[in-house]
Amino acid sequence: MRHPVAAVVAVAAAAANDYFMLRRTKIVATLGPASSDQKVLEQMIRAGVDLVRMNFSHGSAQDHVKRAETVRAAAAVVGRTVGILADLQGPKIRVRKFENDKIILNNGDTFILDAALDGPGNQQRVGLDYKNLYKDVSKGSVLLLNDGMLEFNVIEVKGYEIVCRVVRGGVLSNNKGINRKGGGLTAPALTGKDREDIRTAALIRADYLAVSFPRSGDDMRLARELMEAAGGKSLLMAKIERAEAIPALNDIIEASDAIMVARGDLSVEVGDAAVPGLQKRMIKMARAKNRLVITATQMMESMITNPIPTRAEVSDVANAVLDGTDAVMLSAETAVGDYPVETIEAMARICLKAEREVEEHVFDRRVVQQKFARIDQSIAMSALFAASHFKVKAIIALTQSGSTPLWMSRLNAGVPIFALTPVPETLSKVTLFSGVHPIAFHSRARGQLEEWHQIEATLLERGLVKDGDMVVMTIGEAMGKSGHTNTMKIMCVGDHRKIET
């Protein structure tokens, strides 16, 4: 007799399949007080979350371990695979606390950022978390605080004191961030805390590790060395937040598995008007190099306190989809917002609608023109070519490492790609691949025909295909070995059963 919990999971998964398999763009949700309860997480996953972001700026290692367990338990109940992104804090370039939590600064005021001050700040000065800030600025430097809401001009540097003239005043409260206009802060991308947190990320088996404020590919290569030394298998994601990262984009992308267009700090450093163009450029560069990309920051910000998005937010999410992003990300909206589930539902609707505006069966010229160094990559491109010329229901990729579906996901074939794998880490990683949907599959076959029978049964049971559907399948003759995909087949569901009867 089937276990009742298993039956519930199967029914829930079947009910959700048609909806999720229609959407190519993935949704990343940040966890926080509003989304820590397992029941809420289950609702969020049903609403469309593909990957959760754990912000390592908050919480202890034990908190992260517990939260990862809760996420996986919630995903199991819903019957979906959900990936985990561990997001490192990076260097804290912030003011310290004030005697009364905040001050009000007026235009023309003189104010001192004092790296030597250990006590609380006041109306005249405040301490700094980043003690070397005085080395990175000089007379004429422009400092932007609290996401650019306040602007200071440096008029003098005296020892550890940075004397500033307030150009744009306002409220300055505890622990607000500092950016230098145009970049130039030398704080290392990986702090001592980050190194400890990398070990925690390895412990919780995070699928992705996001590195904050990398300036070059070397920062990413160091993070990879530390992750491997900790025994982790996380894919590396570079958060593009510094002005210095822009001229180094090629090197950073080459050294990473994915990037995040982190529009908050980046906007402060390079100017808000530059960000939309940079977003399009970064997405295009990442996809051309077979890397993944998340677009983030304030995508549905008004839904922290409102049940519906603004028209501008709808356009922002839709344009990221049209730009070709793999995923769109929610931050405070799901971490501390009043409507985490409704926000995810709204984002999913927007993504689906935007995707319908993209021409189906898009076939990029680089598939024909590109020279392939690997057999499995050429098979992946052949599958896309076939899918773009036949009315197929889906592409089925039997995979160990996820490489074949990754290459397929770089182009839009207009049909879902089902990544069938027995490897748990691969299942979780492909949750970020646009247009790719993970399915756990453990082959018991003694040959490829018997294996096709099992694949067909799996897809039919989930309601993903029906008899008569044409599908494209990629598979390796050396079954169960990574990197051995060497065969593409075009098959019709149910044909073999007609022949056998």
Protein backbone atom coordinates (compact mmCIF):
# COMPACT_ATOMS: atom_id res chain seq x y z
CA MET A 1 0.00 0.00 0.00
CA ARG A 2 1.30 3.43 -0.90
CA HIS A 3 2.39 5.55 2.06
CA PRO A 4 -0.21 8.34 2.67
CA VAL A 5 2.44 11.09 2.81
CA ALA A 6 3.93 9.90 -0.48
CA ALA A 7 0.46 9.96 -2.02
CA VAL A 8 -0.12 13.54 -0.87
CA VAL A 9 3.26 14.62 -2.27
CA ALA A 10 2.54 12.96 -5.62
CA VAL A 11 -0.87 14.63 -5.92
CA ALA A 12 0.60 18.04 -5.01
CA ALA A 13 3.42 17.62 -7.52
CA ALA A 14 1.05 16.54 -10.29
CA ALA A 15 -1.25 19.50 -9.66
CA ALA A 16 1.67 21.95 -9.83
CA ASN A 17 3.52 20.46 -12.81
CA ASP A 18 1.68 22.15 -15.68
CA TYR A 19 2.08 25.54 -14.03
CA PHE A 20 5.78 25.27 -13.24
CA MET A 21 6.77 23.65 -16.49
CA LEU A 22 5.32 26.59 -18.43
CA ARG A 23 7.68 29.10 -16.81
CA ARG A 24 11.29 29.34 -17.99
CA THR A 25 12.48 32.12 -15.67
CA LYS A 26 13.33 30.99 -12.15
CA ILE A 27 12.36 32.79 -8.93
CA VAL A 28 14.80 33.27 -6.05
CA ALA A 29 13.36 34.22 -2.64
CA THR A 30 15.38 35.52 0.31
CA LEU A 31 14.65 33.89 3.66
CA GLY A 32 14.05 35.91 6.82
CA PRO A 33 11.61 36.33 9.71
CA ALA A 34 8.65 36.41 7.32
CA SER A 35 9.64 33.14 5.64
CA SER A 36 11.26 30.93 8.27
CA ASP A 37 8.21 28.88 9.22
CA GLN A 38 7.94 25.59 7.31
CA LYS A 39 4.25 26.08 6.50
CA VAL A 40 4.97 29.50 4.99
CA LEU A 41 7.86 28.01 3.02
CA GLU A 42 5.57 25.31 1.67
CA GLN A 43 3.18 28.01 0.43
CA MET A 44 6.07 29.93 -1.12
CA ILE A 45 7.31 26.84 -2.94
CA ARG A 46 3.82 26.09 -4.22
CA ALA A 47 3.59 29.71 -5.39
CA GLY A 48 6.71 29.30 -7.51
CA VAL A 49 10.01 29.56 -5.60
CA ASP A 50 12.80 27.62 -7.33
CA LEU A 51 15.77 28.69 -5.21
CA VAL A 52 16.05 30.23 -1.73
CA ARG A 53 18.69 32.77 -0.74
CA MET A 54 20.18 32.56 2.73
CA ASN A 55 21.68 35.92 3.65
CA PHE A 56 24.79 35.23 5.73
CA SER A 57 24.85 38.85 6.90
CA HIS A 58 22.32 37.73 9.50
CA GLY A 59 22.23 34.71 11.80
CA SER A 60 24.64 32.15 13.19
CA ALA A 61 25.96 28.96 11.62
CA GLN A 62 23.37 27.01 13.63
CA ASP A 63 20.62 29.25 12.26
CA HIS A 64 21.73 28.51 8.71
CA VAL A 65 21.88 24.76 9.33
CA LYS A 66 18.37 24.75 10.77
CA ARG A 67 17.00 26.92 7.97
CA ALA A 68 18.48 24.67 5.27
CA GLU A 69 16.85 21.65 6.93
CA THR A 70 13.51 23.46 7.01
CA VAL A 71 13.74 24.40 3.33
CA ARG A 72 14.45 20.82 2.28
CA ALA A 73 11.66 19.49 4.49
CA ALA A 74 9.18 21.97 2.98
CA ALA A 75 10.29 21.10 -0.56
CA ALA A 76 9.82 17.39 0.16
CA VAL A 77 6.26 17.96 1.35
CA VAL A 78 5.39 19.96 -1.77
CA GLY A 79 7.15 17.45 -4.03
CA ARG A 80 9.56 19.86 -5.72
CA THR A 81 13.32 20.33 -5.73
CA VAL A 82 14.42 23.71 -4.36
CA GLY A 83 18.01 24.95 -4.52
CA ILE A 84 19.90 26.86 -1.82
CA LEU A 85 22.01 29.98 -2.41
CA ALA A 86 24.37 30.98 0.42
CA ASP A 87 25.10 34.72 0.12
CA LEU A 88 28.29 35.90 1.85
CA GLN A 89 28.22 39.23 3.67
CA GLY A 90 31.45 40.60 2.25
CA PRO A 91 33.26 43.62 3.70
CA LYS A 92 31.20 45.82 6.03
CA ILE A 93 31.81 49.39 4.90
CA ARG A 94 29.37 51.06 7.26
CA VAL A 95 29.05 53.67 9.96
CA ARG A 96 28.76 52.33 13.50
CA LYS A 97 26.00 53.12 16.00
CA PHE A 98 24.84 56.48 17.36
CA GLU A 99 24.06 57.48 20.96
CA ASN A 100 20.40 57.92 20.06
CA ASP A 101 20.28 55.51 17.08
CA LYS A 102 20.14 58.28 14.47
CA ILE A 103 20.91 61.92 13.67
CA ILE A 104 19.62 64.46 11.17
CA LEU A 105 22.19 66.17 8.93
CA ASN A 106 21.47 69.35 6.96
CA ASN A 107 23.04 70.51 3.73
CA GLY A 108 26.28 72.37 4.48
CA ASP A 109 26.92 70.66 7.84
CA THR A 110 30.41 69.43 8.68
CA PHE A 111 30.55 65.80 9.76
CA ILE A 112 33.45 63.49 10.60
CA LEU A 113 33.77 59.79 9.78
CA ASP A 114 36.20 58.68 12.49
CA ALA A 115 37.93 55.31 12.10
CA ALA A 116 39.48 55.66 15.58
CA LEU A 117 36.19 56.22 17.43
CA ASP A 118 35.16 53.18 19.48
CA GLY A 119 32.20 54.66 21.31
CA PRO A 120 28.77 55.66 19.93
CA GLY A 121 28.47 58.47 17.42
CA ASN A 122 26.85 61.88 17.87
CA GLN A 123 25.87 64.94 15.83
CA GLN A 124 29.53 65.70 15.02
CA ARG A 125 31.09 62.30 14.25
CA VAL A 126 30.56 58.54 14.02
CA GLY A 127 32.81 55.49 14.06
CA LEU A 128 33.43 53.09 11.16
CA ASP A 129 33.38 49.31 10.78
CA TYR A 130 35.94 49.56 7.99
CA LYS A 131 38.97 51.04 9.71
CA ASN A 132 40.99 51.66 6.53
CA LEU A 133 38.50 53.97 4.88
CA TYR A 134 40.79 56.96 5.53
CA LYS A 135 43.40 55.34 3.26
CA ASP A 136 40.95 55.05 0.35
CA VAL A 137 39.75 58.66 0.20
CA SER A 138 41.25 62.10 -0.23
CA LYS A 139 40.11 65.69 -0.56
CA GLY A 140 37.42 65.85 -3.24
CA SER A 141 36.23 62.25 -2.86
CA VAL A 142 32.44 61.83 -2.86
CA LEU A 143 30.94 59.42 -0.32
CA LEU A 144 27.38 58.13 -0.60
CA LEU A 145 25.65 56.77 2.50
CA ASN A 146 22.45 54.79 3.05
CA ASP A 147 22.14 53.62 -0.58
CA GLY A 148 22.96 57.08 -1.88
CA MET A 149 20.32 58.93 0.12
CA LEU A 150 23.04 61.09 1.72
CA GLU A 151 26.03 62.60 -0.09
CA PHE A 152 29.25 63.84 1.54
CA ASN A 153 32.20 65.67 -0.01
CA VAL A 154 35.53 64.95 1.65
CA ILE A 155 37.19 68.27 2.49
CA GLU A 156 40.12 66.94 4.53
CA VAL A 157 41.68 63.72 5.82
CA LYS A 158 43.41 64.14 9.21
CA GLY A 159 44.88 60.87 10.42
CA TYR A 160 41.96 58.52 11.04
CA GLU A 161 39.42 61.33 10.61
CA ILE A 162 37.61 61.95 7.32
CA VAL A 163 36.18 65.46 7.50
CA CYS A 164 33.16 65.87 5.21
CA ARG A 165 30.81 68.57 4.01
CA VAL A 166 27.18 67.39 3.74
CA VAL A 167 25.98 67.98 0.17
CA ARG A 168 22.70 66.10 0.49
CA GLY A 169 21.47 65.69 4.02
CA GLY A 170 18.82 63.62 5.77
CA VAL A 171 18.52 60.98 8.45
CA LEU A 172 21.64 58.91 9.17
CA SER A 173 21.00 55.95 11.46
CA ASN A 174 22.93 52.99 12.86
CA ASN A 175 24.99 50.74 10.59
CA LYS A 176 24.20 52.42 7.27
CA GLY A 177 26.43 51.54 4.33
CA ILE A 178 29.07 53.73 2.69
CA ASN A 179 30.04 53.77 -0.98
CA ARG A 180 32.57 55.88 -2.81
CA LYS A 181 31.22 57.40 -5.99
CA GLY A 182 33.10 55.88 -8.90
CA GLY A 183 34.49 53.08 -6.71
CA GLY A 184 37.97 52.82 -5.29
CA LEU A 185 37.46 51.22 -1.87
CA THR A 186 40.10 48.55 -1.29
CA ALA A 187 38.36 46.34 1.28
CA PRO A 188 39.01 42.68 0.37
CA ALA A 189 36.04 40.75 -1.05
CA LEU A 190 36.51 37.86 1.40
CA THR A 191 36.69 38.71 5.10
CA GLY A 192 37.51 36.44 8.03
CA LYS A 193 33.77 36.00 8.63
CA ASP A 194 33.28 35.05 4.97
CA ARG A 195 35.91 32.33 5.27
CA GLU A 196 34.06 30.86 8.25
CA ASP A 197 30.77 31.16 6.40
CA ILE A 198 32.16 29.28 3.41
CA ARG A 199 32.69 26.32 5.73
CA THR A 200 29.08 26.64 6.89
CA ALA A 201 27.90 26.78 3.27
CA ALA A 202 29.78 23.55 2.60
CA LEU A 203 28.25 21.99 5.72
CA ILE A 204 24.67 22.74 4.62
CA ARG A 205 25.47 21.59 1.06
CA ALA A 206 24.58 24.94 -0.49
CA ASP A 207 24.11 24.64 -4.24
CA TYR A 208 25.40 28.15 -4.96
CA LEU A 209 27.79 30.45 -3.09
CA ALA A 210 27.45 34.18 -3.80
CA VAL A 211 30.59 36.28 -3.28
CA SER A 212 29.88 39.92 -2.44
CA PHE A 213 31.90 42.81 -3.93
CA PRO A 214 34.44 40.86 -6.04
CA ARG A 215 36.85 43.17 -7.90
CA SER A 216 38.48 40.58 -10.14
CA GLY A 217 38.48 36.95 -11.15
CA ASP A 218 41.12 36.32 -8.48
CA ASP A 219 38.53 36.97 -5.76
CA MET A 220 36.33 34.25 -7.27
CA ARG A 221 39.22 31.84 -7.72
CA LEU A 222 40.14 32.26 -4.05
CA ALA A 223 36.53 31.61 -3.01
CA ARG A 224 36.53 28.43 -5.10
CA GLU A 225 39.73 27.22 -3.45
CA LEU A 226 38.24 27.84 -0.01
CA MET A 227 35.00 26.06 -0.91
CA GLU A 228 36.85 23.04 -2.28
CA ALA A 229 39.10 22.95 0.81
CA ALA A 230 35.96 22.87 2.97
CA GLY A 231 34.67 19.88 1.01
CA GLY A 232 31.82 21.83 -0.61
CA LYS A 233 30.52 21.51 -4.16
CA SER A 234 28.76 24.86 -4.48
CA LEU A 235 28.75 26.65 -7.81
CA LEU A 236 30.31 30.13 -7.49
CA MET A 237 28.26 33.28 -8.13
CA ALA A 238 29.84 36.73 -8.42
CA LYS A 239 27.72 39.64 -7.22
CA ILE A 240 28.52 42.57 -9.48
CA GLU A 241 28.32 45.51 -7.05
CA ARG A 242 31.53 47.51 -7.40
CA ALA A 243 32.50 50.01 -10.06
CA GLU A 244 35.87 48.18 -10.30
CA ALA A 245 34.05 45.01 -11.35
CA ILE A 246 32.79 46.51 -14.62
CA PRO A 247 36.14 46.69 -16.51
CA ALA A 248 36.98 43.23 -15.05
CA LEU A 249 33.70 41.58 -16.11
CA ASN A 250 35.27 39.14 -18.55
CA ASP A 251 37.72 37.85 -15.97
CA ILE A 252 35.08 37.66 -13.23
CA ILE A 253 32.58 35.80 -15.42
CA GLU A 254 35.27 33.36 -16.61
CA ALA A 255 36.18 32.58 -13.00
CA SER A 256 32.55 32.10 -11.93
CA ASP A 257 29.67 29.73 -12.64
CA ALA A 258 27.09 32.49 -12.36
CA ILE A 259 26.74 36.21 -11.74
CA MET A 260 24.20 38.37 -9.94
CA VAL A 261 23.29 41.77 -11.31
CA ALA A 262 23.20 43.35 -7.83
CA ARG A 263 21.70 46.69 -8.73
CA GLY A 264 21.71 48.29 -5.25
CA ASP A 265 25.36 49.03 -4.48
CA LEU A 266 26.22 49.04 -8.17
CA SER A 267 23.74 51.84 -8.79
CA VAL A 268 25.25 53.91 -5.99
CA GLU A 269 28.80 53.50 -7.33
CA VAL A 270 28.24 53.93 -11.09
CA GLY A 271 25.07 56.05 -11.08
CA ASP A 272 21.50 54.88 -11.46
CA ALA A 273 21.22 55.83 -15.14
CA ALA A 274 24.05 53.45 -16.07
CA VAL A 275 22.50 50.34 -14.50
CA PRO A 276 19.83 49.36 -17.09
CA GLY A 277 22.40 49.26 -19.88
CA LEU A 278 24.86 47.38 -17.70
CA GLN A 279 22.16 44.88 -16.78
CA LYS A 280 21.54 44.04 -20.43
CA ARG A 281 25.25 43.85 -21.15
CA MET A 282 25.99 41.56 -18.21
CA ILE A 283 23.14 39.18 -19.02
CA LYS A 284 24.30 38.95 -22.63
CA MET A 285 27.93 38.35 -21.61
CA ALA A 286 27.03 35.68 -19.06
CA ARG A 287 24.82 33.72 -21.44
CA ALA A 288 27.44 33.91 -24.21
CA LYS A 289 29.93 32.30 -21.82
CA ASN A 290 27.43 29.60 -20.70
CA ARG A 291 27.14 31.17 -17.27
CA LEU A 292 23.98 31.69 -15.22
CA VAL A 293 22.63 35.09 -14.20
CA ILE A 294 20.27 36.43 -11.53
CA THR A 295 18.79 39.93 -11.70
CA ALA A 296 18.22 41.38 -8.21
CA THR A 297 17.36 44.38 -6.00
CA GLN A 298 14.03 46.15 -5.45
CA MET A 299 12.19 44.16 -8.10
CA MET A 300 8.92 44.15 -6.14
CA GLU A 301 9.90 46.53 -3.32
CA SER A 302 6.43 48.03 -2.82
CA MET A 303 5.04 44.58 -2.01
CA ILE A 304 6.87 44.62 1.32
CA THR A 305 3.77 46.45 2.57
CA ASN A 306 1.30 46.23 -0.34
CA PRO A 307 -0.51 43.19 -1.80
CA ILE A 308 -0.01 44.23 -5.45
CA PRO A 309 3.05 45.55 -7.33
CA THR A 310 3.42 48.94 -8.98
CA ARG A 311 3.27 49.17 -12.76
CA ALA A 312 6.95 50.13 -12.80
CA GLU A 313 7.85 46.97 -10.87
CA VAL A 314 5.87 44.83 -13.30
CA SER A 315 7.81 46.39 -16.17
CA ASP A 316 11.13 45.92 -14.36
CA VAL A 317 10.59 42.19 -13.84
CA ALA A 318 9.27 41.73 -17.38
CA ASN A 319 12.24 43.55 -18.91
CA ALA A 320 14.69 41.36 -16.99
CA VAL A 321 12.92 38.34 -18.47
CA LEU A 322 13.07 39.84 -21.96
CA ASP A 323 16.79 40.57 -21.41
CA GLY A 324 17.30 36.82 -20.94
CA THR A 325 17.99 36.53 -17.21
CA ASP A 326 17.91 33.02 -15.76
CA ALA A 327 16.23 34.20 -12.59
CA VAL A 328 14.71 37.19 -10.82
CA MET A 329 15.29 37.65 -7.11
CA LEU A 330 13.26 38.91 -4.15
CA SER A 331 15.03 40.30 -1.08
CA ALA A 332 13.17 42.15 1.68
CA GLU A 333 9.88 41.32 -0.06
CA THR A 334 10.08 37.71 1.17
CA ALA A 335 12.51 38.14 4.07
CA VAL A 336 10.52 40.68 6.11
CA GLY A 337 7.54 41.60 3.92
CA ASP A 338 3.87 41.29 4.78
CA TYR A 339 2.99 39.42 1.58
CA PRO A 340 5.74 36.90 0.73
CA VAL A 341 3.44 34.37 -0.96
CA GLU A 342 1.47 36.97 -2.90
CA THR A 343 4.72 38.56 -4.08
CA ILE A 344 5.96 35.25 -5.50
CA GLU A 345 2.61 34.62 -7.20
CA ALA A 346 2.72 38.07 -8.79
CA MET A 347 6.31 37.61 -9.97
CA ALA A 348 5.46 34.21 -11.48
CA ARG A 349 2.53 35.72 -13.41
CA ILE A 350 4.72 38.52 -14.75
CA CYS A 351 7.45 36.11 -15.85
CA LEU A 352 5.00 33.89 -17.69
CA LYS A 353 3.39 36.79 -19.50
CA ALA A 354 6.74 38.28 -20.50
CA GLU A 355 7.97 34.92 -21.79
CA ARG A 356 4.99 34.72 -24.15
CA GLU A 357 6.24 37.88 -25.82
CA VAL A 358 9.47 36.11 -26.77
CA GLU A 359 9.26 34.31 -30.09
CA GLU A 360 9.03 30.57 -29.56
CA HIS A 361 11.58 28.20 -31.04
CA VAL A 362 14.26 30.88 -31.12
CA PHE A 363 17.31 29.44 -32.83
CA ASP A 364 20.52 31.35 -32.31
CA ARG A 365 23.02 31.51 -35.16
CA ARG A 366 25.83 30.59 -32.82
CA VAL A 367 24.46 27.03 -32.69
CA VAL A 368 25.35 26.68 -36.37
CA GLN A 369 28.49 28.80 -36.34
CA GLN A 370 30.07 27.70 -33.06
CA LYS A 371 32.82 25.11 -33.03
CA PHE A 372 32.40 22.57 -30.26
CA ALA A 373 35.28 21.09 -28.31
CA ARG A 374 33.12 18.49 -26.57
CA ILE A 375 30.82 15.80 -27.93
CA ASP A 376 28.21 16.35 -25.21
CA GLN A 377 28.00 20.07 -26.06
CA SER A 378 27.44 19.32 -29.75
CA ILE A 379 24.69 16.84 -28.78
CA ALA A 380 23.03 19.53 -26.64
CA MET A 381 23.03 21.98 -29.55
CA SER A 382 21.76 19.28 -31.93
CA ALA A 383 18.82 18.68 -29.59
CA LEU A 384 17.98 22.40 -29.67
CA PHE A 385 18.23 22.41 -33.46
CA ALA A 386 15.85 19.46 -33.71
CA ALA A 387 13.42 20.97 -31.19
CA SER A 388 13.32 24.21 -33.17
CA HIS A 389 12.34 22.40 -36.37
CA PHE A 390 9.88 19.80 -35.08
CA LYS A 391 6.75 20.26 -33.01
CA VAL A 392 8.16 18.53 -29.95
CA LYS A 393 6.56 18.57 -26.52
CA ALA A 394 9.80 18.57 -24.56
CA ILE A 395 13.53 17.92 -24.49
CA ILE A 396 14.61 15.15 -22.13
CA ALA A 397 18.21 15.22 -20.92
CA LEU A 398 19.57 12.28 -18.97
CA THR A 399 22.44 13.85 -17.08
CA GLN A 400 24.91 13.24 -14.28
CA SER A 401 26.61 16.64 -13.97
CA GLY A 402 23.97 18.92 -15.49
CA SER A 403 26.30 20.19 -18.24
CA THR A 404 24.06 19.17 -21.15
CA PRO A 405 20.92 20.91 -19.83
CA LEU A 406 23.04 23.96 -18.91
CA TRP A 407 24.15 24.39 -22.51
CA MET A 408 20.58 23.87 -23.69
CA SER A 409 19.32 26.51 -21.27
CA ARG A 410 21.49 29.22 -22.83
CA LEU A 411 19.07 29.33 -25.79
CA ASN A 412 15.28 29.32 -25.89
CA ALA A 413 14.00 26.22 -27.66
CA GLY A 414 10.40 27.15 -26.83
CA VAL A 415 9.80 23.87 -24.98
CA PRO A 416 10.59 22.69 -21.45
CA ILE A 417 13.81 20.80 -20.80
CA PHE A 418 13.49 17.96 -18.29
CA ALA A 419 16.77 17.12 -16.57
CA LEU A 420 16.53 13.53 -15.38
CA THR A 421 19.29 12.60 -12.94
CA PRO A 422 19.97 10.33 -9.96
CA VAL A 423 22.44 12.85 -8.49
CA PRO A 424 20.88 15.00 -5.71
CA GLU A 425 23.43 17.83 -6.16
CA THR A 426 22.62 18.05 -9.87
CA LEU A 427 18.88 18.12 -9.18
CA SER A 428 19.35 21.14 -6.90
CA LYS A 429 21.77 23.00 -9.17
CA VAL A 430 19.55 22.90 -12.25
CA THR A 431 16.81 24.73 -10.31
CA LEU A 432 18.54 27.93 -11.48
CA PHE A 433 18.85 26.97 -15.16
CA SER A 434 16.24 28.83 -17.21
CA GLY A 435 13.79 26.50 -18.92
CA VAL A 436 15.20 23.41 -17.17
CA HIS A 437 13.17 21.39 -14.67
CA PRO A 438 14.75 18.74 -12.40
CA ILE A 439 13.30 15.24 -12.13
CA ALA A 440 14.81 12.56 -9.90
CA PHE A 441 15.37 9.45 -11.99
CA HIS A 442 17.10 6.23 -10.94
CA SER A 443 17.47 3.87 -13.86
CA ARG A 444 17.13 0.15 -13.23
CA ALA A 445 17.38 -0.67 -16.92
CA ARG A 446 19.71 -3.16 -18.52
CA GLY A 447 19.61 -1.40 -21.88
CA GLN A 448 18.52 1.83 -23.56
CA LEU A 449 15.12 0.54 -24.74
CA GLU A 450 14.21 -0.55 -21.23
CA GLU A 451 15.50 2.77 -19.92
CA TRP A 452 13.26 4.65 -22.39
CA HIS A 453 10.30 2.64 -21.05
CA GLN A 454 11.12 3.85 -17.53
CA ILE A 455 11.61 7.47 -18.67
CA GLU A 456 8.30 7.43 -20.53
CA ALA A 457 6.49 5.97 -17.51
CA THR A 458 8.00 8.63 -15.24
CA LEU A 459 6.87 11.49 -17.48
CA LEU A 460 3.42 10.01 -18.08
CA GLU A 461 2.85 9.50 -14.36
CA ARG A 462 3.67 13.16 -13.71
CA GLY A 463 1.41 14.32 -16.53
CA LEU A 464 4.28 15.97 -18.39
CA VAL A 465 3.68 14.14 -21.69
CA LYS A 466 0.92 12.07 -23.25
CA ASP A 467 0.73 9.38 -25.92
CA GLY A 468 1.50 10.79 -29.33
CA ASP A 469 3.77 13.58 -28.09
CA MET A 470 7.06 13.97 -29.94
CA VAL A 471 10.11 14.44 -27.69
CA VAL A 472 13.85 14.89 -28.16
CA MET A 473 16.09 12.93 -25.81
CA THR A 474 19.82 13.16 -25.09
CA ILE A 475 21.59 10.27 -23.43
CA GLY A 476 25.02 8.70 -23.02
CA GLU A 477 25.82 5.18 -24.13
CA ALA A 478 28.02 4.87 -21.04
CA MET A 479 25.07 5.20 -18.67
CA GLY A 480 25.79 6.64 -15.24
CA LYS A 481 29.01 8.41 -16.21
CA SER A 482 29.43 12.19 -16.24
CA GLY A 483 30.39 13.86 -19.51
CA HIS A 484 29.42 10.91 -21.73
CA THR A 485 26.29 12.29 -23.44
CA ASN A 486 26.81 11.24 -27.06
CA THR A 487 23.38 10.35 -28.45
CA MET A 488 20.27 12.30 -29.48
CA LYS A 489 16.98 10.62 -30.33
CA ILE A 490 13.64 11.92 -31.61
CA MET A 491 10.90 9.70 -30.22
CA CYS A 492 7.11 9.51 -30.07
CA VAL A 493 5.55 8.70 -26.71
CA GLY A 494 3.65 5.41 -26.83
CA ASP A 495 4.98 4.17 -30.17
CA HIS A 496 6.95 1.31 -28.68
CA ARG A 497 3.85 0.03 -26.88
CA LYS A 498 1.89 -0.06 -30.13
CA ILE A 499 4.65 -2.08 -31.77
CA GLU A 500 4.87 -4.49 -28.82
CA THR A 501 1.12 -5.15 -28.89
